[in-house]
Every structure is written in structure tokens, then in C-alpha cells.
PDB file of N, CA and C in Angstrom:
ATOM      1  N   MET A   1      15.046   9.157  24.437  1.00  0.00           N
ATOM      2  CA  MET A   1      13.857  10.149  24.386  1.00  0.00           C
ATOM      3  C   MET A   1      12.674   9.544  24.887  1.00  0.00           C
ATOM      4  N   THR A   2      11.937  10.378  25.707  1.00  0.00           N
ATOM      5  CA  THR A   2      10.678   9.871  26.235  1.00  0.00           C
ATOM      6  C   THR A   2       9.569   9.723  25.098  1.00  0.00           C
ATOM      7  N   ASN A   3       8.594   8.725  25.487  1.00  0.00           N
ATOM      8  CA  ASN A   3       7.565   8.434  24.630  1.00  0.00           C
ATOM      9  C   ASN A   3       6.754   9.683  24.375  1.00  0.00           C
ATOM     10  N   GLU A   4       6.761  10.533  25.190  1.00  0.00           N
ATOM     11  CA  GLU A   4       5.791  11.829  25.240  1.00  0.00           C
ATOM     12  C   GLU A   4       6.500  12.766  24.116  1.00  0.00           C
ATOM     13  N   PHE A   5       7.884  12.878  24.200  1.00  0.00           N
ATOM     14  CA  PHE A   5       8.673  13.631  23.211  1.00  0.00           C
ATOM     15  C   PHE A   5       8.478  13.212  21.881  1.00  0.00           C
ATOM     16  N   VAL A   6       8.688  11.820  21.669  1.00  0.00           N
ATOM     17  CA  VAL A   6       8.605  11.217  20.482  1.00  0.00           C
ATOM     18  C   VAL A   6       7.159  11.473  19.969  1.00  0.00           C
ATOM     19  N   ALA A   7       6.189  11.356  20.643  1.00  0.00           N
ATOM     20  CA  ALA A   7       4.716  11.446  20.138  1.00  0.00           C
ATOM     21  C   ALA A   7       4.520  12.863  19.664  1.00  0.00           C
ATOM     22  N   ILE A   8       5.100  13.859  20.379  1.00  0.00           N
ATOM     23  CA  ILE A   8       5.003  15.211  19.957  1.00  0.00           C
ATOM     24  C   ILE A   8       5.739  15.530  18.808  1.00  0.00           C
ATOM     25  N   ALA A   9       6.899  15.017  18.726  1.00  0.00           N
ATOM     26  CA  ALA A   9       7.650  15.134  17.347  1.00  0.00           C
ATOM     27  C   ALA A   9       7.098  14.685  16.174  1.00  0.00           C
ATOM     28  N   VAL A  10       6.543  13.277  16.342  1.00  0.00           N
ATOM     29  CA  VAL A  10       5.939  12.771  15.272  1.00  0.00           C
ATOM     30  C   VAL A  10       4.674  13.532  14.881  1.00  0.00           C
ATOM     31  N   ALA A  11       3.812  13.970  15.764  1.00  0.00           N
ATOM     32  CA  ALA A  11       2.633  14.843  15.456  1.00  0.00           C
ATOM     33  C   ALA A  11       3.047  15.993  14.667  1.00  0.00           C
ATOM     34  N   ARG A  12       4.142  16.663  15.140  1.00  0.00           N
ATOM     35  CA  ARG A  12       4.507  17.957  14.455  1.00  0.00           C
ATOM     36  C   ARG A  12       5.063  17.618  13.177  1.00  0.00           C
ATOM     37  N   ALA A  13       5.835  16.489  12.876  1.00  0.00           N
ATOM     38  CA  ALA A  13       6.390  16.306  11.640  1.00  0.00           C
ATOM     39  C   ALA A  13       5.275  15.799  10.716  1.00  0.00           C
ATOM     40  N   ARG A  14       4.279  15.110  11.227  1.00  0.00           N
ATOM     41  CA  ARG A  14       3.235  14.635  10.273  1.00  0.00           C
ATOM     42  C   ARG A  14       2.367  15.972   9.746  1.00  0.00           C
ATOM     43  N   LYS A  15       2.175  16.845  10.785  1.00  0.00           N
ATOM     44  CA  LYS A  15       1.433  18.024  10.494  1.00  0.00           C
ATOM     45  C   LYS A  15       2.139  18.917   9.292  1.00  0.00           C
ATOM     46  N   ARG A  16       3.544  19.018   9.470  1.00  0.00           N
ATOM     47  CA  ARG A  16       4.274  19.773   8.580  1.00  0.00           C
ATOM     48  C   ARG A  16       4.367  19.057   7.203  1.00  0.00           C
ATOM     49  N   ARG A  17       4.375  17.599   7.211  1.00  0.00           N
ATOM     50  CA  ARG A  17       4.306  16.747   6.094  1.00  0.00           C
ATOM     51  C   ARG A  17       3.030  17.132   5.354  1.00  0.00           C
ATOM     52  N   ASP A  18       1.883  16.991   5.938  1.00  0.00           N
ATOM     53  CA  ASP A  18       0.658  17.166   5.411  1.00  0.00           C
ATOM     54  C   ASP A  18       0.591  18.498   4.749  1.00  0.00           C
ATOM     55  N   GLU A  19       1.099  19.596   5.444  1.00  0.00           N
ATOM     56  CA  GLU A  19       1.086  20.929   4.743  1.00  0.00           C
ATOM     57  C   GLU A  19       1.895  20.970   3.528  1.00  0.00           C
ATOM     58  N   ALA A  20       2.987  20.372   3.637  1.00  0.00           N
ATOM     59  CA  ALA A  20       4.018  20.223   2.485  1.00  0.00           C
ATOM     60  C   ALA A  20       3.120  19.409   1.290  1.00  0.00           C
ATOM     61  N   ARG A  21       2.531  18.432   1.512  1.00  0.00           N
ATOM     62  CA  ARG A  21       1.704  17.585   0.555  1.00  0.00           C
ATOM     63  C   ARG A  21       0.566  18.400   0.075  1.00  0.00           C
ATOM     64  N   SER A  22      -0.037  19.230   0.852  1.00  0.00           N
ATOM     65  CA  SER A  22      -1.144  20.232   0.328  1.00  0.00           C
ATOM     66  C   SER A  22      -0.393  21.171  -0.556  1.00  0.00           C
ATOM     67  N   ASN A  23       0.856  21.960  -0.317  1.00  0.00           N
ATOM     68  CA  ASN A  23       1.546  22.888  -1.008  1.00  0.00           C
ATOM     69  C   ASN A  23       1.806  22.108  -2.355  1.00  0.00           C
ATOM     70  N   LEU A  24       2.395  20.943  -2.237  1.00  0.00           N
ATOM     71  CA  LEU A  24       2.700  20.200  -3.398  1.00  0.00           C
ATOM     72  C   LEU A  24       1.688  20.085  -4.435  1.00  0.00           C
ATOM     73  N   SER A  25       0.474  19.627  -3.966  1.00  0.00           N
ATOM     74  CA  SER A  25      -0.613  19.475  -4.772  1.00  0.00           C
ATOM     75  C   SER A  25      -1.086  20.782  -5.446  1.00  0.00           C
ATOM     76  N   GLU A  26      -1.133  21.826  -4.736  1.00  0.00           N
ATOM     77  CA  GLU A  26      -1.362  23.098  -5.211  1.00  0.00           C
ATOM     78  C   GLU A  26      -0.229  23.566  -6.269  1.00  0.00           C
ATOM     79  N   ALA A  27       0.889  23.319  -6.017  1.00  0.00           N
ATOM     80  CA  ALA A  27       2.103  23.711  -7.055  1.00  0.00           C
ATOM     81  C   ALA A  27       1.886  22.911  -8.239  1.00  0.00           C
ATOM     82  N   GLU A  28       1.427  21.577  -8.169  1.00  0.00           N
ATOM     83  CA  GLU A  28       1.291  20.752  -9.361  1.00  0.00           C
ATOM     84  C   GLU A  28       0.126  20.968 -10.255  1.00  0.00           C
ATOM     85  N   ALA A  29      -1.074  21.518  -9.580  1.00  0.00           N
ATOM     86  CA  ALA A  29      -2.073  21.848 -10.288  1.00  0.00           C
ATOM     87  C   ALA A  29      -1.685  23.237 -10.952  1.00  0.00           C
ATOM     88  N   GLU A  30      -1.107  24.172 -10.250  1.00  0.00           N
ATOM     89  CA  GLU A  30      -0.755  25.511 -10.811  1.00  0.00           C
ATOM     90  C   GLU A  30       0.098  25.312 -12.100  1.00  0.00           C
ATOM     91  N   LEU A  31       1.178  24.395 -11.951  1.00  0.00           N
ATOM     92  CA  LEU A  31       1.951  23.879 -13.039  1.00  0.00           C
ATOM     93  C   LEU A  31       1.157  23.532 -14.271  1.00  0.00           C
ATOM     94  N   GLU A  32       0.312  22.637 -14.078  1.00  0.00           N
ATOM     95  CA  GLU A  32      -0.598  22.118 -15.170  1.00  0.00           C
ATOM     96  C   GLU A  32      -1.437  23.136 -15.844  1.00  0.00           C
ATOM     97  N   HIS A  33      -1.931  24.164 -14.933  1.00  0.00           N
ATOM     98  CA  HIS A  33      -2.779  25.202 -15.375  1.00  0.00           C
ATOM     99  C   HIS A  33      -1.789  26.144 -16.234  1.00  0.00           C
ATOM    100  N   GLN A  34      -0.629  26.463 -15.908  1.00  0.00           N
ATOM    101  CA  GLN A  34       0.181  27.398 -16.539  1.00  0.00           C
ATOM    102  C   GLN A  34       0.653  26.655 -17.901  1.00  0.00           C
ATOM    103  N   LYS A  35       0.930  25.372 -17.875  1.00  0.00           N
ATOM    104  CA  LYS A  35       1.332  24.679 -19.193  1.00  0.00           C
ATOM    105  C   LYS A  35       0.139  24.867 -20.093  1.00  0.00           C
ATOM    106  N   ALA A  36      -1.115  24.603 -19.724  1.00  0.00           N
ATOM    107  CA  ALA A  36      -2.179  24.691 -20.651  1.00  0.00           C
ATOM    108  C   ALA A  36      -2.482  26.281 -21.059  1.00  0.00           C
ATOM    109  N   ALA A  37      -2.004  27.096 -20.217  1.00  0.00           N
ATOM    110  CA  ALA A  37      -2.138  28.512 -20.604  1.00  0.00           C
ATOM    111  C   ALA A  37      -1.135  28.945 -21.724  1.00  0.00           C
ATOM    112  N   GLY A  38      -0.169  28.270 -21.704  1.00  0.00           N
ATOM    113  CA  GLY A  38       0.980  28.643 -22.703  1.00  0.00           C
ATOM    114  C   GLY A  38       1.945  29.616 -22.071  1.00  0.00           C
ATOM    115  N   THR A  39       2.076  29.668 -20.721  1.00  0.00           N
ATOM    116  CA  THR A  39       2.998  30.459 -19.842  1.00  0.00           C
ATOM    117  C   THR A  39       4.374  30.264 -20.439  1.00  0.00           C
ATOM    118  N   SER A  40       5.145  31.335 -20.344  1.00  0.00           N
ATOM    119  CA  SER A  40       6.563  31.422 -20.546  1.00  0.00           C
ATOM    120  C   SER A  40       7.389  30.339 -19.824  1.00  0.00           C
ATOM    121  N   VAL A  41       8.542  29.920 -20.590  1.00  0.00           N
ATOM    122  CA  VAL A  41       9.368  28.801 -20.162  1.00  0.00           C
ATOM    123  C   VAL A  41       9.959  28.994 -18.717  1.00  0.00           C
ATOM    124  N   GLY A  42      10.299  30.565 -18.517  1.00  0.00           N
ATOM    125  CA  GLY A  42      10.931  30.684 -17.356  1.00  0.00           C
ATOM    126  C   GLY A  42       9.860  30.646 -16.054  1.00  0.00           C
ATOM    127  N   ALA A  43       8.655  31.094 -16.296  1.00  0.00           N
ATOM    128  CA  ALA A  43       7.512  30.804 -15.283  1.00  0.00           C
ATOM    129  C   ALA A  43       7.384  29.408 -15.027  1.00  0.00           C
ATOM    130  N   LEU A  44       7.361  28.613 -16.013  1.00  0.00           N
ATOM    131  CA  LEU A  44       7.197  27.185 -15.902  1.00  0.00           C
ATOM    132  C   LEU A  44       8.449  26.428 -15.101  1.00  0.00           C
ATOM    133  N   ALA A  45       9.567  26.935 -15.350  1.00  0.00           N
ATOM    134  CA  ALA A  45      10.966  26.387 -14.670  1.00  0.00           C
ATOM    135  C   ALA A  45      10.642  26.721 -13.365  1.00  0.00           C
ATOM    136  N   ALA A  46      10.157  27.934 -12.887  1.00  0.00           N
ATOM    137  CA  ALA A  46       9.996  28.328 -11.539  1.00  0.00           C
ATOM    138  C   ALA A  46       8.979  27.329 -10.822  1.00  0.00           C
ATOM    139  N   LEU A  47       7.922  27.150 -11.406  1.00  0.00           N
ATOM    140  CA  LEU A  47       6.833  26.315 -10.961  1.00  0.00           C
ATOM    141  C   LEU A  47       7.386  24.739 -10.904  1.00  0.00           C
ATOM    142  N   LYS A  48       8.364  24.208 -11.911  1.00  0.00           N
ATOM    143  CA  LYS A  48       8.765  22.972 -11.638  1.00  0.00           C
ATOM    144  C   LYS A  48       9.799  22.822 -10.545  1.00  0.00           C
ATOM    145  N   LEU A  49      10.393  23.977 -10.304  1.00  0.00           N
ATOM    146  CA  LEU A  49      11.403  23.989  -9.085  1.00  0.00           C
ATOM    147  C   LEU A  49      10.610  23.923  -7.851  1.00  0.00           C
ATOM    148  N   GLN A  50       9.542  24.465  -7.640  1.00  0.00           N
ATOM    149  CA  GLN A  50       8.569  24.670  -6.602  1.00  0.00           C
ATOM    150  C   GLN A  50       8.140  23.198  -6.444  1.00  0.00           C
ATOM    151  N   VAL A  51       7.594  22.591  -7.371  1.00  0.00           N
ATOM    152  CA  VAL A  51       7.016  21.206  -7.216  1.00  0.00           C
ATOM    153  C   VAL A  51       8.205  20.258  -6.747  1.00  0.00           C
ATOM    154  N   GLU A  52       9.454  20.381  -7.233  1.00  0.00           N
ATOM    155  CA  GLU A  52      10.687  19.558  -6.684  1.00  0.00           C
ATOM    156  C   GLU A  52      10.829  19.982  -5.330  1.00  0.00           C
ATOM    157  N   MET A  53      10.842  21.132  -5.033  1.00  0.00           N
ATOM    158  CA  MET A  53      11.133  21.429  -3.577  1.00  0.00           C
ATOM    159  C   MET A  53      10.119  20.825  -2.612  1.00  0.00           C
ATOM    160  N   TYR A  54       8.874  20.882  -2.976  1.00  0.00           N
ATOM    161  CA  TYR A  54       7.857  20.395  -2.041  1.00  0.00           C
ATOM    162  C   TYR A  54       7.851  18.915  -2.060  1.00  0.00           C
ATOM    163  N   THR A  55       8.311  18.245  -3.127  1.00  0.00           N
ATOM    164  CA  THR A  55       8.366  16.692  -3.377  1.00  0.00           C
ATOM    165  C   THR A  55       9.724  16.218  -2.373  1.00  0.00           C
ATOM    166  N   GLU A  56      10.746  16.937  -2.336  1.00  0.00           N
ATOM    167  CA  GLU A  56      11.848  16.665  -1.519  1.00  0.00           C
ATOM    168  C   GLU A  56      11.570  16.971  -0.155  1.00  0.00           C
ATOM    169  N   LEU A  57      10.753  17.920   0.225  1.00  0.00           N
ATOM    170  CA  LEU A  57      10.449  18.381   1.646  1.00  0.00           C
ATOM    171  C   LEU A  57       9.419  17.120   2.122  1.00  0.00           C
ATOM    172  N   VAL A  58       8.447  16.540   1.426  1.00  0.00           N
ATOM    173  CA  VAL A  58       7.693  15.569   1.814  1.00  0.00           C
ATOM    174  C   VAL A  58       8.586  14.317   2.178  1.00  0.00           C
ATOM    175  N   ALA A  59       9.390  13.975   1.356  1.00  0.00           N
ATOM    176  CA  ALA A  59      10.234  12.810   1.439  1.00  0.00           C
ATOM    177  C   ALA A  59      10.977  13.062   2.660  1.00  0.00           C
ATOM    178  N   LYS A  60      11.630  14.178   3.093  1.00  0.00           N
ATOM    179  CA  LYS A  60      12.341  14.393   4.302  1.00  0.00           C
ATOM    180  C   LYS A  60      11.492  14.145   5.486  1.00  0.00           C
ATOM    181  N   TYR A  61      10.330  14.753   5.475  1.00  0.00           N
ATOM    182  CA  TYR A  61       9.478  14.592   6.598  1.00  0.00           C
ATOM    183  C   TYR A  61       9.145  13.073   6.750  1.00  0.00           C
ATOM    184  N   ASP A  62       9.090  12.351   5.681  1.00  0.00           N
ATOM    185  CA  ASP A  62       8.754  10.875   5.758  1.00  0.00           C
ATOM    186  C   ASP A  62       9.953  10.156   6.560  1.00  0.00           C
ATOM    187  N   VAL A  63      11.123  10.595   6.213  1.00  0.00           N
ATOM    188  CA  VAL A  63      12.248  10.012   6.768  1.00  0.00           C
ATOM    189  C   VAL A  63      12.379  10.417   8.260  1.00  0.00           C
ATOM    190  N   ILE A  64      12.189  11.663   8.657  1.00  0.00           N
ATOM    191  CA  ILE A  64      12.143  12.098  10.016  1.00  0.00           C
ATOM    192  C   ILE A  64      10.983  11.371  10.857  1.00  0.00           C
ATOM    193  N   ILE A  65       9.844  11.167  10.248  1.00  0.00           N
ATOM    194  CA  ILE A  65       8.706  10.435  11.034  1.00  0.00           C
ATOM    195  C   ILE A  65       9.181   8.975  11.170  1.00  0.00           C
ATOM    196  N   ALA A  66       9.840   8.318  10.142  1.00  0.00           N
ATOM    197  CA  ALA A  66      10.203   7.066  10.259  1.00  0.00           C
ATOM    198  C   ALA A  66      11.262   6.945  11.385  1.00  0.00           C
ATOM    199  N   ALA A  67      12.195   7.770  11.524  1.00  0.00           N
ATOM    200  CA  ALA A  67      13.314   7.767  12.521  1.00  0.00           C
ATOM    201  C   ALA A  67      12.792   7.793  13.950  1.00  0.00           C
ATOM    202  N   TYR A  68      11.752   8.845  14.045  1.00  0.00           N
ATOM    203  CA  TYR A  68      11.179   8.867  15.291  1.00  0.00           C
ATOM    204  C   TYR A  68      10.466   7.680  15.828  1.00  0.00           C
ATOM    205  N   GLU A  69       9.644   7.191  14.827  1.00  0.00           N
ATOM    206  CA  GLU A  69       8.911   5.939  15.041  1.00  0.00           C
ATOM    207  C   GLU A  69       9.704   4.901  15.452  1.00  0.00           C
ATOM    208  N   ALA A  70      10.926   4.853  14.902  1.00  0.00           N
ATOM    209  CA  ALA A  70      11.958   3.647  15.319  1.00  0.00           C
ATOM    210  C   ALA A  70      12.535   3.781  16.607  1.00  0.00           C
ATOM    211  N   GLU A  71      12.307   4.919  17.230  1.00  0.00           N
ATOM    212  CA  GLU A  71      12.841   5.185  18.576  1.00  0.00           C
ATOM    213  C   GLU A  71      12.248   4.240  19.479  1.00  0.00           C
TER     214      GLU A  71
END
């Protein structure tokens, strides 16, 4: 791969990772808010699933970025 391609790919992956981190922070805050408000177990489970999804997404982007940077 060319250096230009790698640089573009890394920049895009970093942007998406940053978006996922932002979404993760929002989901964590909402989960804590809903826990404090005494929200139903079903709604809390959905929020926990959302937090897990964003956590995994951030981790996957970290792997992608590391792979591109190793090129």
C-alpha cells in the first residue's frame, strides 16, 4: 500500500474511533442517569448492550489503526 493510502485510512479510522468513543461516553452517561432514575430492567439491559457495542467498536478501530500503522 502506498503511504498516502495508509495515511488516509488511518485518518478515517481515527475519526470513526473518536466518534465511537464519543457515542460510548454518551451511552455510559445515559446508562448511569437511567440507573439513578430507577428505569426498568429491560431499558437498562438495552443501554448496557449499547455500551458494550461501542466498547467493542472502539477496540476494533484500535486494531485497524495499529494494523495500518504497522504497514
